[in-house]
Amino acid sequence: MNTYHVTRIEEPDFGCEGRPEGQEIKDKVYLEEEITKEETIIFMEDKLLYDRDIDEGSIVVVDQDGRLQKAEDQ
């Protein structure tokens, strides 16, 4: 299983209108593969990132559902 370093997370900018109610928000997550240093960009649910305590600098893996999981939680 490949391990990645979260280098950057970009949240969508909704301007003065704020976040839309009831809509799933996806953040743009920049990953760097630990060995090859290849960069990958994925979109991940904002709530999932918060629930799993994933932030810039986290070491993660992609689980069987295609979602990020902290490497130490494996």
Protein backbone atom coordinates (compact mmCIF):
# COMPACT_ATOMS: atom_id res chain seq x y z
CA MET A 1 0.00 0.00 0.00
CA ASN A 2 1.43 3.38 -1.02
CA THR A 3 2.00 6.02 1.62
CA TYR A 4 1.52 9.72 0.87
CA HIS A 5 2.42 13.03 2.49
CA VAL A 6 -0.35 15.67 2.39
CA THR A 7 1.45 18.74 1.06
CA ARG A 8 -1.52 21.09 0.64
CA ILE A 9 -5.29 21.24 1.09
CA GLU A 10 -7.36 23.83 -0.76
CA GLU A 11 -10.89 24.47 0.44
CA PRO A 12 -13.40 25.90 -2.05
CA ASP A 13 -13.98 29.66 -1.77
CA PHE A 14 -17.67 30.48 -1.59
CA GLY A 15 -17.08 34.22 -1.18
CA CYS A 16 -19.52 36.32 0.78
CA GLU A 17 -22.36 33.84 0.16
CA GLY A 18 -20.83 31.31 2.56
CA ARG A 19 -21.02 27.54 2.41
CA PRO A 20 -24.15 26.14 0.78
CA GLU A 21 -26.51 24.37 3.21
CA GLY A 22 -26.80 20.59 2.90
CA GLN A 23 -24.27 20.30 0.07
CA GLU A 24 -21.25 17.99 0.35
CA ILE A 25 -18.07 20.07 0.21
CA LYS A 26 -14.96 18.57 -1.38
CA ASP A 27 -11.46 19.89 -0.79
CA LYS A 28 -8.59 19.63 -3.28
CA VAL A 29 -5.87 17.55 -1.60
CA TYR A 30 -2.30 17.49 -2.92
CA LEU A 31 -0.43 14.27 -2.13
CA GLU A 32 3.24 13.39 -2.58
CA GLU A 33 4.03 9.68 -2.78
CA GLU A 34 6.55 8.90 -0.05
CA ILE A 35 9.07 6.95 -2.17
CA THR A 36 8.73 8.24 -5.75
CA LYS A 37 7.80 11.83 -4.73
CA GLU A 38 5.16 11.79 -7.50
CA GLU A 39 2.43 14.37 -6.91
CA THR A 40 -1.24 13.37 -7.04
CA ILE A 41 -4.30 15.56 -6.61
CA ILE A 42 -7.57 14.14 -5.31
CA PHE A 43 -10.86 15.62 -4.14
CA MET A 44 -11.98 14.48 -0.71
CA GLU A 45 -14.99 15.31 1.45
CA ASP A 46 -14.21 18.16 3.84
CA LYS A 47 -16.06 16.44 6.70
CA LEU A 48 -14.08 13.21 6.21
CA LEU A 49 -10.79 15.11 6.47
CA TYR A 50 -11.92 16.71 9.75
CA ASP A 51 -13.35 13.45 11.13
CA ARG A 52 -10.09 11.60 10.39
CA ASP A 53 -7.90 14.50 11.61
CA ILE A 54 -6.13 14.78 8.24
CA ASP A 55 -4.37 18.08 7.64
CA GLU A 56 -1.36 19.40 5.75
CA GLY A 57 1.67 17.41 6.89
CA SER A 58 -0.30 14.22 7.61
CA ILE A 59 0.98 10.86 6.37
CA VAL A 60 -1.89 8.97 4.73
CA VAL A 61 -2.85 5.93 2.69
CA VAL A 62 -5.79 5.44 0.34
CA ASP A 63 -8.20 2.89 1.83
CA GLN A 64 -10.20 0.24 -0.04
CA ASP A 65 -13.01 2.79 -0.60
CA GLY A 66 -10.63 5.26 -2.28
CA ARG A 67 -10.65 7.61 0.71
CA LEU A 68 -7.78 8.92 2.76
CA GLN A 69 -6.87 7.36 6.09
CA LYS A 70 -4.02 8.36 8.40
CA ALA A 71 -1.16 5.86 8.00
CA GLU A 72 -0.79 5.32 11.76
CA ASP A 73 -4.49 4.36 11.99
CA GLN A 74 -3.89 1.34 9.73
